[in-house]
Amino acid sequence: MRLKWIAVFALVMMAVCSAEEPAATKPVILLTGFEPFGGSTFNTSWMAVSQFEGQVVAGHTIKTAQLKVVYDKIDGPLAAEIEKLKPVAVISFGEGSAFIQLERTARNGYHPQKPKDNEGKVPPRDAIVPGAPNEIPTGLPVDSIIGKLNTAGIKATDSTNAGGYLCNECFYRLMSIKSASATRGFIHVPVVQPGNTAGRRQLRDALRIIITTVIENKK
């Protein structure tokens, strides 16, 4: 009898492991957002992406990472997450646009006014990566995402200038990581107050559309 129960237990455990195996091997989509800055207590980009942590969307596991608003402190953590997770796509988000804005071009430079970061420091040099290309195009399906968002009644547009602050540095650093998936890029979102339930719901819906469209079009 004991041997019979051992055999049954073994079969049950094999079934459980078999059922869990696909979840463990699902491809990963990495979303990044920023910590608060400029005296704010929140950052819409992180507020939006963090709610997707661990969710499965269109057969892909969503992982998230919060980045610092500090010059030269984005590259290391971002590269480490990509090395650890090996995502099939990376979508970085930042706040500050009037509506959802798909950035087409990462630029290798900082704003001429040299705005201070969260540590009170100005950009350490003129170029983000000295000697690297002046511009790198996004790897996201910009037109497809904008079309899907607008069809859903969510205003979205594109831009060729992500600014000269940490959003653009994040974008350029991301596009410079040679080991990252070709499907990667940066998106600005509008500031949504934590108490704005309708605004947060629409932003959540927008991110889900963005994620699924990226999955449909990933390279």
N, C-alpha and C. Protein backbone atom coordinates (compact mmCIF):
# COMPACT_ATOMS: atom_id res chain seq x y z
N MET A 1 0.83 -1.21 0.00
CA MET A 1 0.00 0.00 0.00
C MET A 1 0.87 1.26 0.00
N ARG A 2 1.93 1.22 0.83
CA ARG A 2 2.81 2.39 0.91
C ARG A 2 3.45 2.68 -0.45
N LEU A 3 3.88 1.61 -1.13
CA LEU A 3 4.49 1.79 -2.44
C LEU A 3 3.49 2.39 -3.43
N LYS A 4 2.21 1.98 -3.29
CA LYS A 4 1.17 2.50 -4.17
C LYS A 4 1.01 4.00 -3.99
N TRP A 5 0.99 4.45 -2.71
CA TRP A 5 0.83 5.88 -2.43
C TRP A 5 2.05 6.67 -2.90
N ILE A 6 3.22 6.09 -2.77
CA ILE A 6 4.43 6.75 -3.25
C ILE A 6 4.35 6.95 -4.76
N ALA A 7 3.86 5.91 -5.44
CA ALA A 7 3.74 6.00 -6.89
C ALA A 7 2.72 7.06 -7.29
N VAL A 8 1.59 7.11 -6.56
CA VAL A 8 0.56 8.13 -6.84
C VAL A 8 1.12 9.52 -6.61
N PHE A 9 1.84 9.68 -5.48
CA PHE A 9 2.43 10.99 -5.16
C PHE A 9 3.41 11.43 -6.25
N ALA A 10 4.20 10.47 -6.72
CA ALA A 10 5.17 10.78 -7.77
C ALA A 10 4.47 11.24 -9.04
N LEU A 11 3.37 10.57 -9.38
CA LEU A 11 2.63 10.96 -10.58
C LEU A 11 2.03 12.35 -10.44
N VAL A 12 1.50 12.65 -9.23
CA VAL A 12 0.92 13.98 -8.98
C VAL A 12 1.99 15.05 -9.10
N MET A 13 3.16 14.80 -8.52
CA MET A 13 4.24 15.79 -8.58
C MET A 13 4.71 15.99 -10.01
N MET A 14 4.75 14.93 -10.79
CA MET A 14 5.14 15.05 -12.19
C MET A 14 4.14 15.90 -12.95
N ALA A 15 2.87 15.74 -12.64
CA ALA A 15 1.83 16.52 -13.31
C ALA A 15 1.92 17.98 -12.94
N VAL A 16 2.18 18.24 -11.64
CA VAL A 16 2.31 19.63 -11.18
C VAL A 16 3.49 20.30 -11.85
N CYS A 17 4.63 19.63 -11.87
CA CYS A 17 5.83 20.20 -12.49
C CYS A 17 5.61 20.45 -13.97
N SER A 18 4.91 19.49 -14.61
CA SER A 18 4.64 19.65 -16.03
C SER A 18 3.75 20.84 -16.30
N ALA A 19 2.77 21.08 -15.39
CA ALA A 19 1.85 22.20 -15.57
C ALA A 19 2.55 23.53 -15.35
N GLU A 20 3.54 23.54 -14.44
CA GLU A 20 4.22 24.79 -14.12
C GLU A 20 5.32 25.13 -15.13
N GLU A 21 5.79 24.12 -15.83
CA GLU A 21 6.94 24.33 -16.71
C GLU A 21 6.72 25.41 -17.76
N PRO A 22 5.56 25.43 -18.46
CA PRO A 22 5.37 26.47 -19.47
C PRO A 22 5.44 27.88 -18.92
N ALA A 23 4.90 28.10 -17.71
CA ALA A 23 4.92 29.44 -17.11
C ALA A 23 6.36 29.90 -16.88
N ALA A 24 7.20 28.95 -16.50
CA ALA A 24 8.59 29.31 -16.21
C ALA A 24 9.37 29.63 -17.48
N THR A 25 8.86 29.16 -18.60
CA THR A 25 9.61 29.36 -19.84
C THR A 25 8.97 30.40 -20.76
N LYS A 26 7.96 31.11 -20.26
CA LYS A 26 7.33 32.15 -21.07
C LYS A 26 8.34 33.26 -21.39
N PRO A 27 8.32 33.79 -22.61
CA PRO A 27 9.21 34.91 -22.93
C PRO A 27 8.86 36.14 -22.09
N VAL A 28 9.85 36.96 -21.84
CA VAL A 28 9.71 38.10 -20.93
C VAL A 28 9.67 39.42 -21.71
N ILE A 29 8.79 40.31 -21.28
CA ILE A 29 8.78 41.70 -21.73
C ILE A 29 9.21 42.55 -20.53
N LEU A 30 10.24 43.37 -20.68
CA LEU A 30 10.70 44.23 -19.59
C LEU A 30 10.17 45.65 -19.79
N LEU A 31 9.51 46.17 -18.75
CA LEU A 31 9.04 47.55 -18.73
C LEU A 31 9.83 48.31 -17.68
N THR A 32 10.26 49.53 -18.01
CA THR A 32 10.95 50.34 -17.01
C THR A 32 10.24 51.68 -16.84
N GLY A 33 10.32 52.21 -15.61
CA GLY A 33 9.80 53.53 -15.30
C GLY A 33 10.79 54.21 -14.38
N PHE A 34 10.52 55.47 -14.04
CA PHE A 34 11.45 56.25 -13.22
C PHE A 34 10.94 56.48 -11.81
N GLU A 35 11.89 56.73 -10.92
CA GLU A 35 11.57 57.19 -9.57
C GLU A 35 11.05 58.63 -9.65
N PRO A 36 10.40 59.13 -8.59
CA PRO A 36 9.95 60.53 -8.58
C PRO A 36 11.13 61.49 -8.68
N PHE A 37 10.87 62.69 -9.19
CA PHE A 37 11.92 63.70 -9.30
C PHE A 37 11.30 65.08 -9.19
N GLY A 38 12.15 66.07 -9.00
CA GLY A 38 11.69 67.45 -8.96
C GLY A 38 10.78 67.76 -7.79
N GLY A 39 10.91 67.03 -6.69
CA GLY A 39 10.09 67.28 -5.51
C GLY A 39 8.77 66.55 -5.52
N SER A 40 8.44 65.83 -6.59
CA SER A 40 7.19 65.08 -6.65
C SER A 40 7.27 63.83 -5.77
N THR A 41 6.12 63.36 -5.33
CA THR A 41 6.07 62.15 -4.51
C THR A 41 5.77 60.91 -5.34
N PHE A 42 5.58 61.08 -6.64
CA PHE A 42 5.29 59.94 -7.50
C PHE A 42 5.83 60.22 -8.90
N ASN A 43 5.94 59.15 -9.68
CA ASN A 43 6.28 59.30 -11.09
C ASN A 43 5.29 58.44 -11.86
N THR A 44 4.56 59.06 -12.77
CA THR A 44 3.51 58.35 -13.49
C THR A 44 4.04 57.14 -14.24
N SER A 45 5.25 57.25 -14.77
CA SER A 45 5.80 56.13 -15.54
C SER A 45 5.93 54.88 -14.68
N TRP A 46 6.43 55.04 -13.46
CA TRP A 46 6.57 53.88 -12.57
C TRP A 46 5.21 53.43 -12.05
N MET A 47 4.35 54.38 -11.74
CA MET A 47 3.01 54.06 -11.27
C MET A 47 2.28 53.20 -12.31
N ALA A 48 2.52 53.51 -13.58
CA ALA A 48 1.84 52.78 -14.66
C ALA A 48 2.43 51.39 -14.88
N VAL A 49 3.77 51.29 -14.95
CA VAL A 49 4.37 50.00 -15.31
C VAL A 49 4.38 49.01 -14.14
N SER A 50 4.50 49.50 -12.92
CA SER A 50 4.66 48.60 -11.77
C SER A 50 3.45 47.69 -11.57
N GLN A 51 2.26 48.15 -11.98
CA GLN A 51 1.07 47.32 -11.80
C GLN A 51 1.05 46.09 -12.71
N PHE A 52 1.95 46.05 -13.69
CA PHE A 52 2.02 44.91 -14.60
C PHE A 52 3.01 43.85 -14.15
N GLU A 53 3.75 44.11 -13.08
CA GLU A 53 4.77 43.18 -12.61
C GLU A 53 4.19 41.77 -12.41
N GLY A 54 4.80 40.79 -13.09
CA GLY A 54 4.40 39.40 -12.93
C GLY A 54 3.19 38.98 -13.72
N GLN A 55 2.49 39.91 -14.36
CA GLN A 55 1.33 39.55 -15.16
C GLN A 55 1.74 38.83 -16.44
N VAL A 56 0.83 38.05 -16.97
CA VAL A 56 1.05 37.40 -18.26
C VAL A 56 0.15 38.07 -19.28
N VAL A 57 0.75 38.63 -20.32
CA VAL A 57 0.01 39.31 -21.38
C VAL A 57 0.36 38.66 -22.71
N ALA A 58 -0.65 38.15 -23.40
CA ALA A 58 -0.45 37.51 -24.70
C ALA A 58 0.68 36.48 -24.67
N GLY A 59 0.70 35.67 -23.61
CA GLY A 59 1.69 34.60 -23.52
C GLY A 59 3.08 35.04 -23.10
N HIS A 60 3.22 36.29 -22.65
CA HIS A 60 4.51 36.82 -22.22
C HIS A 60 4.44 37.28 -20.77
N THR A 61 5.47 36.98 -20.00
CA THR A 61 5.55 37.44 -18.61
C THR A 61 6.11 38.86 -18.57
N ILE A 62 5.43 39.72 -17.84
CA ILE A 62 5.86 41.11 -17.73
C ILE A 62 6.71 41.30 -16.48
N LYS A 63 7.90 41.83 -16.66
CA LYS A 63 8.77 42.20 -15.54
C LYS A 63 9.02 43.69 -15.59
N THR A 64 9.25 44.29 -14.44
CA THR A 64 9.41 45.74 -14.36
C THR A 64 10.66 46.13 -13.57
N ALA A 65 11.17 47.31 -13.86
CA ALA A 65 12.34 47.83 -13.13
C ALA A 65 12.21 49.34 -13.01
N GLN A 66 12.52 49.86 -11.84
CA GLN A 66 12.51 51.30 -11.61
C GLN A 66 13.92 51.86 -11.75
N LEU A 67 14.06 52.91 -12.53
CA LEU A 67 15.37 53.54 -12.78
C LEU A 67 15.50 54.84 -12.01
N LYS A 68 16.74 55.20 -11.69
CA LYS A 68 17.02 56.44 -10.97
C LYS A 68 17.02 57.64 -11.93
N VAL A 69 16.64 58.78 -11.39
CA VAL A 69 16.72 60.03 -12.16
C VAL A 69 18.07 60.67 -11.81
N VAL A 70 19.13 59.97 -12.22
CA VAL A 70 20.49 60.39 -11.91
C VAL A 70 21.38 60.11 -13.12
N TYR A 71 22.12 61.10 -13.55
CA TYR A 71 23.01 60.92 -14.70
C TYR A 71 24.01 59.79 -14.45
N ASP A 72 24.22 58.98 -15.46
CA ASP A 72 25.19 57.88 -15.44
C ASP A 72 24.82 56.75 -14.46
N LYS A 73 23.58 56.75 -13.95
CA LYS A 73 23.17 55.66 -13.06
C LYS A 73 21.98 54.88 -13.64
N ILE A 74 21.82 54.99 -14.95
CA ILE A 74 20.78 54.23 -15.65
C ILE A 74 21.38 53.02 -16.35
N ASP A 75 22.51 53.22 -16.99
CA ASP A 75 23.12 52.21 -17.86
C ASP A 75 23.35 50.88 -17.15
N GLY A 76 24.01 50.92 -15.99
CA GLY A 76 24.35 49.69 -15.27
C GLY A 76 23.14 48.87 -14.87
N PRO A 77 22.19 49.45 -14.13
CA PRO A 77 21.00 48.69 -13.73
C PRO A 77 20.18 48.20 -14.91
N LEU A 78 20.06 49.02 -15.96
CA LEU A 78 19.29 48.62 -17.14
C LEU A 78 19.94 47.43 -17.84
N ALA A 79 21.25 47.50 -18.03
CA ALA A 79 21.98 46.40 -18.67
C ALA A 79 21.90 45.13 -17.82
N ALA A 80 21.94 45.30 -16.48
CA ALA A 80 21.89 44.14 -15.59
C ALA A 80 20.54 43.43 -15.68
N GLU A 81 19.46 44.21 -15.74
CA GLU A 81 18.13 43.61 -15.87
C GLU A 81 17.99 42.87 -17.20
N ILE A 82 18.51 43.45 -18.25
CA ILE A 82 18.44 42.81 -19.56
C ILE A 82 19.26 41.52 -19.59
N GLU A 83 20.42 41.54 -18.96
CA GLU A 83 21.27 40.35 -18.90
C GLU A 83 20.59 39.25 -18.08
N LYS A 84 19.94 39.64 -16.99
CA LYS A 84 19.30 38.67 -16.10
C LYS A 84 18.04 38.07 -16.73
N LEU A 85 17.19 38.92 -17.30
CA LEU A 85 15.88 38.49 -17.78
C LEU A 85 15.86 38.03 -19.24
N LYS A 86 16.84 38.54 -20.01
CA LYS A 86 16.89 38.27 -21.45
C LYS A 86 15.51 38.49 -22.11
N PRO A 87 14.96 39.67 -21.96
CA PRO A 87 13.62 39.94 -22.50
C PRO A 87 13.61 39.97 -24.03
N VAL A 88 12.46 39.60 -24.60
CA VAL A 88 12.32 39.64 -26.05
C VAL A 88 11.95 41.05 -26.52
N ALA A 89 11.61 41.92 -25.56
CA ALA A 89 11.35 43.32 -25.87
C ALA A 89 11.52 44.14 -24.60
N VAL A 90 11.97 45.38 -24.77
CA VAL A 90 12.12 46.30 -23.64
C VAL A 90 11.42 47.61 -24.00
N ILE A 91 10.51 48.04 -23.12
CA ILE A 91 9.81 49.30 -23.33
C ILE A 91 10.05 50.18 -22.11
N SER A 92 10.75 51.28 -22.31
CA SER A 92 11.02 52.22 -21.23
C SER A 92 10.02 53.37 -21.29
N PHE A 93 9.58 53.81 -20.12
CA PHE A 93 8.60 54.88 -20.04
C PHE A 93 9.11 56.02 -19.16
N GLY A 94 8.68 57.23 -19.51
CA GLY A 94 8.97 58.40 -18.70
C GLY A 94 7.76 59.32 -18.75
N GLU A 95 7.65 60.24 -17.79
CA GLU A 95 6.50 61.14 -17.78
C GLU A 95 6.88 62.52 -18.31
N GLY A 96 5.86 63.28 -18.74
CA GLY A 96 6.13 64.66 -19.10
C GLY A 96 5.51 65.15 -20.38
N SER A 97 4.89 64.28 -21.17
CA SER A 97 4.26 64.72 -22.42
C SER A 97 2.79 65.08 -22.17
N ALA A 98 2.19 65.79 -23.13
CA ALA A 98 0.79 66.17 -22.99
C ALA A 98 -0.12 64.96 -23.13
N PHE A 99 0.30 63.99 -23.93
CA PHE A 99 -0.42 62.72 -24.10
C PHE A 99 0.62 61.67 -24.45
N ILE A 100 0.22 60.46 -24.72
CA ILE A 100 1.20 59.40 -24.99
C ILE A 100 2.00 59.75 -26.24
N GLN A 101 3.32 59.67 -26.09
CA GLN A 101 4.22 60.12 -27.15
C GLN A 101 5.28 59.07 -27.42
N LEU A 102 5.25 58.49 -28.60
CA LEU A 102 6.22 57.47 -29.00
C LEU A 102 7.47 58.16 -29.54
N GLU A 103 8.60 57.92 -28.90
CA GLU A 103 9.85 58.56 -29.31
C GLU A 103 10.53 57.76 -30.42
N ARG A 104 10.85 58.44 -31.51
CA ARG A 104 11.45 57.77 -32.67
C ARG A 104 12.98 57.77 -32.64
N THR A 105 13.59 58.79 -32.01
CA THR A 105 15.04 58.95 -32.14
C THR A 105 15.70 59.25 -30.80
N ALA A 106 16.66 58.41 -30.42
CA ALA A 106 17.47 58.66 -29.23
C ALA A 106 18.67 59.50 -29.64
N ARG A 107 18.94 60.57 -28.91
CA ARG A 107 20.02 61.49 -29.26
C ARG A 107 21.15 61.43 -28.25
N ASN A 108 22.36 61.46 -28.74
CA ASN A 108 23.55 61.33 -27.91
C ASN A 108 24.00 62.68 -27.34
N GLY A 109 23.15 63.24 -26.47
CA GLY A 109 23.51 64.52 -25.88
C GLY A 109 22.52 64.94 -24.80
N TYR A 110 22.94 65.91 -24.00
CA TYR A 110 22.11 66.44 -22.93
C TYR A 110 21.59 67.82 -23.30
N HIS A 111 20.64 68.28 -22.53
CA HIS A 111 20.05 69.60 -22.77
C HIS A 111 21.10 70.68 -22.53
N PRO A 112 21.17 71.71 -23.39
CA PRO A 112 22.19 72.76 -23.21
C PRO A 112 22.05 73.55 -21.90
N GLN A 113 20.85 73.53 -21.31
CA GLN A 113 20.67 74.23 -20.04
C GLN A 113 21.17 73.43 -18.85
N LYS A 114 21.58 72.18 -19.10
CA LYS A 114 22.17 71.31 -18.09
C LYS A 114 21.33 71.20 -16.81
N PRO A 115 20.12 70.68 -16.91
CA PRO A 115 19.26 70.52 -15.72
C PRO A 115 19.86 69.56 -14.71
N LYS A 116 19.61 69.82 -13.44
CA LYS A 116 20.15 68.98 -12.37
C LYS A 116 19.32 67.72 -12.18
N ASP A 117 19.99 66.64 -11.75
CA ASP A 117 19.29 65.39 -11.49
C ASP A 117 18.86 65.31 -10.02
N ASN A 118 18.43 64.13 -9.59
CA ASN A 118 17.96 63.96 -8.21
C ASN A 118 19.06 64.08 -7.18
N GLU A 119 20.32 64.04 -7.61
CA GLU A 119 21.43 64.24 -6.68
C GLU A 119 21.98 65.65 -6.76
N GLY A 120 21.27 66.51 -7.50
CA GLY A 120 21.67 67.90 -7.62
C GLY A 120 22.85 68.12 -8.54
N LYS A 121 23.13 67.15 -9.41
CA LYS A 121 24.28 67.25 -10.31
C LYS A 121 23.83 67.59 -11.73
N VAL A 122 24.67 68.30 -12.44
CA VAL A 122 24.40 68.62 -13.85
C VAL A 122 24.99 67.51 -14.71
N PRO A 123 24.64 67.45 -16.02
CA PRO A 123 25.22 66.42 -16.88
C PRO A 123 26.75 66.43 -16.82
N PRO A 124 27.38 65.27 -16.75
CA PRO A 124 28.82 65.18 -16.56
C PRO A 124 29.64 65.55 -17.80
N ARG A 125 29.01 65.66 -18.95
CA ARG A 125 29.71 65.95 -20.21
C ARG A 125 28.66 66.31 -21.25
N ASP A 126 29.09 66.62 -22.44
CA ASP A 126 28.13 66.99 -23.49
C ASP A 126 27.42 65.78 -24.10
N ALA A 127 28.19 64.71 -24.37
CA ALA A 127 27.63 63.51 -24.99
C ALA A 127 27.32 62.46 -23.93
N ILE A 128 26.26 61.70 -24.14
CA ILE A 128 25.94 60.61 -23.22
C ILE A 128 27.01 59.53 -23.32
N VAL A 129 27.33 59.15 -24.55
CA VAL A 129 28.39 58.16 -24.80
C VAL A 129 29.36 58.78 -25.79
N PRO A 130 30.46 59.35 -25.32
CA PRO A 130 31.42 60.00 -26.23
C PRO A 130 31.88 59.07 -27.35
N GLY A 131 31.89 59.61 -28.58
CA GLY A 131 32.36 58.85 -29.72
C GLY A 131 31.33 57.93 -30.34
N ALA A 132 30.14 57.83 -29.72
CA ALA A 132 29.08 56.96 -30.25
C ALA A 132 28.24 57.73 -31.27
N PRO A 133 27.38 57.06 -32.01
CA PRO A 133 26.54 57.74 -33.01
C PRO A 133 25.71 58.87 -32.39
N ASN A 134 25.46 59.90 -33.19
CA ASN A 134 24.66 61.03 -32.70
C ASN A 134 23.20 60.66 -32.47
N GLU A 135 22.69 59.73 -33.27
CA GLU A 135 21.29 59.33 -33.15
C GLU A 135 21.15 57.83 -33.35
N ILE A 136 20.17 57.24 -32.66
CA ILE A 136 19.83 55.83 -32.85
C ILE A 136 18.31 55.74 -32.94
N PRO A 137 17.78 55.11 -33.99
CA PRO A 137 16.33 55.01 -34.12
C PRO A 137 15.72 53.98 -33.18
N THR A 138 14.49 54.18 -32.82
CA THR A 138 13.78 53.23 -31.96
C THR A 138 13.61 51.89 -32.66
N GLY A 139 13.39 50.86 -31.85
CA GLY A 139 13.10 49.55 -32.40
C GLY A 139 11.65 49.15 -32.19
N LEU A 140 10.83 50.11 -31.73
CA LEU A 140 9.41 49.82 -31.50
C LEU A 140 8.58 50.08 -32.76
N PRO A 141 7.46 49.37 -32.90
CA PRO A 141 6.56 49.59 -34.05
C PRO A 141 5.71 50.84 -33.80
N VAL A 142 6.31 52.00 -33.95
CA VAL A 142 5.67 53.26 -33.58
C VAL A 142 4.32 53.46 -34.26
N ASP A 143 4.28 53.32 -35.58
CA ASP A 143 3.04 53.59 -36.31
C ASP A 143 1.92 52.64 -35.90
N SER A 144 2.25 51.38 -35.70
CA SER A 144 1.24 50.39 -35.29
C SER A 144 0.68 50.72 -33.91
N ILE A 145 1.56 51.10 -32.98
CA ILE A 145 1.12 51.44 -31.63
C ILE A 145 0.21 52.67 -31.65
N ILE A 146 0.64 53.70 -32.36
CA ILE A 146 -0.18 54.92 -32.43
C ILE A 146 -1.54 54.61 -33.04
N GLY A 147 -1.56 53.81 -34.10
CA GLY A 147 -2.83 53.45 -34.73
C GLY A 147 -3.76 52.71 -33.79
N LYS A 148 -3.22 51.74 -33.05
CA LYS A 148 -4.05 50.96 -32.11
C LYS A 148 -4.57 51.85 -30.98
N LEU A 149 -3.72 52.73 -30.46
CA LEU A 149 -4.14 53.61 -29.36
C LEU A 149 -5.23 54.58 -29.83
N ASN A 150 -5.01 55.20 -30.97
CA ASN A 150 -6.00 56.15 -31.47
C ASN A 150 -7.33 55.47 -31.80
N THR A 151 -7.26 54.25 -32.31
CA THR A 151 -8.49 53.50 -32.59
C THR A 151 -9.26 53.22 -31.30
N ALA A 152 -8.52 53.04 -30.20
CA ALA A 152 -9.15 52.80 -28.90
C ALA A 152 -9.60 54.09 -28.22
N GLY A 153 -9.42 55.22 -28.90
CA GLY A 153 -9.83 56.49 -28.33
C GLY A 153 -8.82 57.09 -27.38
N ILE A 154 -7.58 56.61 -27.44
CA ILE A 154 -6.51 57.13 -26.57
C ILE A 154 -5.56 57.94 -27.43
N LYS A 155 -5.46 59.21 -27.15
CA LYS A 155 -4.64 60.10 -28.00
C LYS A 155 -3.16 59.75 -27.88
N ALA A 156 -2.51 59.60 -29.03
CA ALA A 156 -1.09 59.27 -29.06
C ALA A 156 -0.47 59.86 -30.32
N THR A 157 0.78 60.20 -30.23
CA THR A 157 1.50 60.75 -31.37
C THR A 157 2.96 60.33 -31.30
N ASP A 158 3.77 60.76 -32.27
CA ASP A 158 5.19 60.44 -32.24
C ASP A 158 6.01 61.70 -32.03
N SER A 159 7.30 61.51 -31.80
CA SER A 159 8.21 62.62 -31.56
C SER A 159 9.60 62.20 -32.00
N THR A 160 10.39 63.16 -32.45
CA THR A 160 11.78 62.87 -32.82
C THR A 160 12.76 63.49 -31.82
N ASN A 161 12.24 63.93 -30.68
CA ASN A 161 13.10 64.55 -29.68
C ASN A 161 12.58 64.20 -28.29
N ALA A 162 13.31 63.32 -27.61
CA ALA A 162 12.90 62.88 -26.27
C ALA A 162 13.39 63.82 -25.17
N GLY A 163 13.90 65.00 -25.56
CA GLY A 163 14.39 65.95 -24.58
C GLY A 163 15.85 65.71 -24.25
N GLY A 164 16.39 66.51 -23.34
CA GLY A 164 17.80 66.38 -23.01
C GLY A 164 18.03 65.98 -21.57
N TYR A 165 16.99 65.40 -20.95
CA TYR A 165 17.10 65.03 -19.53
C TYR A 165 17.28 63.51 -19.41
N LEU A 166 16.84 62.93 -18.32
CA LEU A 166 17.10 61.51 -18.08
C LEU A 166 16.28 60.59 -18.97
N CYS A 167 15.13 61.07 -19.47
CA CYS A 167 14.35 60.23 -20.39
C CYS A 167 15.16 59.94 -21.65
N ASN A 168 15.75 60.98 -22.21
CA ASN A 168 16.55 60.77 -23.41
C ASN A 168 17.80 59.94 -23.10
N GLU A 169 18.40 60.16 -21.93
CA GLU A 169 19.57 59.33 -21.59
C GLU A 169 19.17 57.87 -21.50
N CYS A 170 18.03 57.61 -20.85
CA CYS A 170 17.54 56.23 -20.75
C CYS A 170 17.34 55.63 -22.14
N PHE A 171 16.70 56.40 -23.01
CA PHE A 171 16.43 55.96 -24.38
C PHE A 171 17.74 55.64 -25.10
N TYR A 172 18.70 56.54 -25.02
CA TYR A 172 19.97 56.33 -25.73
C TYR A 172 20.74 55.16 -25.13
N ARG A 173 20.77 55.07 -23.80
CA ARG A 173 21.45 53.94 -23.16
C ARG A 173 20.82 52.62 -23.58
N LEU A 174 19.50 52.58 -23.57
CA LEU A 174 18.80 51.36 -23.96
C LEU A 174 19.14 50.95 -25.39
N MET A 175 19.11 51.92 -26.30
CA MET A 175 19.37 51.60 -27.71
C MET A 175 20.84 51.26 -27.96
N SER A 176 21.70 51.55 -27.00
CA SER A 176 23.14 51.28 -27.14
C SER A 176 23.53 49.90 -26.62
N ILE A 177 22.62 49.22 -25.93
CA ILE A 177 22.94 47.92 -25.36
C ILE A 177 22.88 46.86 -26.45
N LYS A 178 24.02 46.38 -26.88
CA LYS A 178 24.09 45.48 -28.03
C LYS A 178 23.47 44.12 -27.76
N SER A 179 23.43 43.70 -26.50
CA SER A 179 22.88 42.39 -26.19
C SER A 179 21.36 42.40 -26.06
N ALA A 180 20.76 43.58 -26.10
CA ALA A 180 19.30 43.69 -25.94
C ALA A 180 18.58 43.30 -27.21
N SER A 181 17.33 42.91 -27.07
CA SER A 181 16.49 42.61 -28.22
C SER A 181 16.37 43.82 -29.13
N ALA A 182 16.21 43.57 -30.42
CA ALA A 182 16.03 44.68 -31.36
C ALA A 182 14.74 45.44 -31.08
N THR A 183 13.78 44.76 -30.45
CA THR A 183 12.49 45.39 -30.15
C THR A 183 12.61 46.13 -28.83
N ARG A 184 12.95 47.40 -28.92
CA ARG A 184 13.11 48.20 -27.71
C ARG A 184 12.97 49.68 -28.07
N GLY A 185 12.58 50.46 -27.06
CA GLY A 185 12.43 51.89 -27.30
C GLY A 185 11.82 52.60 -26.11
N PHE A 186 11.46 53.86 -26.33
CA PHE A 186 11.03 54.73 -25.23
C PHE A 186 9.71 55.41 -25.56
N ILE A 187 8.87 55.54 -24.52
CA ILE A 187 7.55 56.17 -24.66
C ILE A 187 7.33 57.14 -23.50
N HIS A 188 6.89 58.37 -23.83
CA HIS A 188 6.50 59.33 -22.81
C HIS A 188 5.01 59.20 -22.51
N VAL A 189 4.65 59.37 -21.25
CA VAL A 189 3.24 59.38 -20.86
C VAL A 189 2.95 60.69 -20.11
N PRO A 190 1.69 61.13 -20.13
CA PRO A 190 1.35 62.35 -19.39
C PRO A 190 1.36 62.11 -17.88
N VAL A 191 1.51 63.17 -17.13
CA VAL A 191 1.44 63.07 -15.67
C VAL A 191 -0.01 62.80 -15.28
N VAL A 192 -0.21 61.75 -14.50
CA VAL A 192 -1.55 61.41 -14.00
C VAL A 192 -1.45 61.35 -12.48
N GLN A 193 -2.24 62.16 -11.80
CA GLN A 193 -2.21 62.18 -10.35
C GLN A 193 -2.69 60.83 -9.78
N PRO A 194 -2.10 60.38 -8.67
CA PRO A 194 -2.49 59.08 -8.10
C PRO A 194 -3.99 58.98 -7.81
N GLY A 195 -4.62 60.10 -7.50
CA GLY A 195 -6.05 60.06 -7.19
C GLY A 195 -6.96 60.12 -8.41
N ASN A 196 -6.39 60.25 -9.58
CA ASN A 196 -7.17 60.32 -10.81
C ASN A 196 -7.47 58.90 -11.30
N THR A 197 -8.55 58.32 -10.80
CA THR A 197 -8.87 56.92 -11.10
C THR A 197 -9.11 56.70 -12.59
N ALA A 198 -9.86 57.59 -13.22
CA ALA A 198 -10.15 57.43 -14.65
C ALA A 198 -8.88 57.54 -15.49
N GLY A 199 -8.02 58.50 -15.12
CA GLY A 199 -6.77 58.67 -15.84
C GLY A 199 -5.86 57.47 -15.69
N ARG A 200 -5.81 56.91 -14.50
CA ARG A 200 -4.96 55.74 -14.27
C ARG A 200 -5.50 54.52 -15.02
N ARG A 201 -6.82 54.40 -15.07
CA ARG A 201 -7.43 53.28 -15.80
C ARG A 201 -7.11 53.38 -17.29
N GLN A 202 -7.23 54.60 -17.83
CA GLN A 202 -6.94 54.76 -19.26
C GLN A 202 -5.47 54.48 -19.56
N LEU A 203 -4.59 54.91 -18.66
CA LEU A 203 -3.17 54.66 -18.87
C LEU A 203 -2.86 53.16 -18.79
N ARG A 204 -3.52 52.48 -17.88
CA ARG A 204 -3.34 51.02 -17.79
C ARG A 204 -3.80 50.36 -19.09
N ASP A 205 -4.94 50.78 -19.60
CA ASP A 205 -5.44 50.23 -20.86
C ASP A 205 -4.47 50.53 -22.01
N ALA A 206 -3.91 51.75 -21.99
CA ALA A 206 -2.96 52.15 -23.03
C ALA A 206 -1.72 51.26 -22.99
N LEU A 207 -1.20 51.00 -21.80
CA LEU A 207 -0.01 50.16 -21.69
C LEU A 207 -0.29 48.74 -22.16
N ARG A 208 -1.47 48.24 -21.87
CA ARG A 208 -1.81 46.88 -22.32
C ARG A 208 -1.86 46.84 -23.86
N ILE A 209 -2.40 47.88 -24.48
CA ILE A 209 -2.42 47.95 -25.94
C ILE A 209 -1.00 48.03 -26.49
N ILE A 210 -0.18 48.85 -25.84
CA ILE A 210 1.22 48.99 -26.27
C ILE A 210 1.95 47.65 -26.19
N ILE A 211 1.78 46.96 -25.07
CA ILE A 211 2.47 45.67 -24.87
C ILE A 211 2.02 44.66 -25.92
N THR A 212 0.71 44.53 -26.12
CA THR A 212 0.22 43.53 -27.07
C THR A 212 0.64 43.87 -28.50
N THR A 213 0.67 45.15 -28.83
CA THR A 213 1.09 45.55 -30.18
C THR A 213 2.57 45.26 -30.39
N VAL A 214 3.37 45.51 -29.37
CA VAL A 214 4.80 45.19 -29.44
C VAL A 214 5.00 43.69 -29.63
N ILE A 215 4.24 42.90 -28.90
CA ILE A 215 4.35 41.44 -29.03
C ILE A 215 3.99 41.00 -30.45
N GLU A 216 2.93 41.57 -30.98
CA GLU A 216 2.48 41.22 -32.33
C GLU A 216 3.53 41.57 -33.40
N ASN A 217 4.32 42.60 -33.11
CA ASN A 217 5.25 43.12 -34.13
C ASN A 217 6.73 42.92 -33.78
N LYS A 218 7.02 42.16 -32.72
CA LYS A 218 8.41 42.06 -32.29
C LYS A 218 9.29 41.40 -33.35
N LYS A 219 10.55 41.88 -33.38
CA LYS A 219 11.48 41.46 -34.42
C LYS A 219 12.21 40.18 -34.02
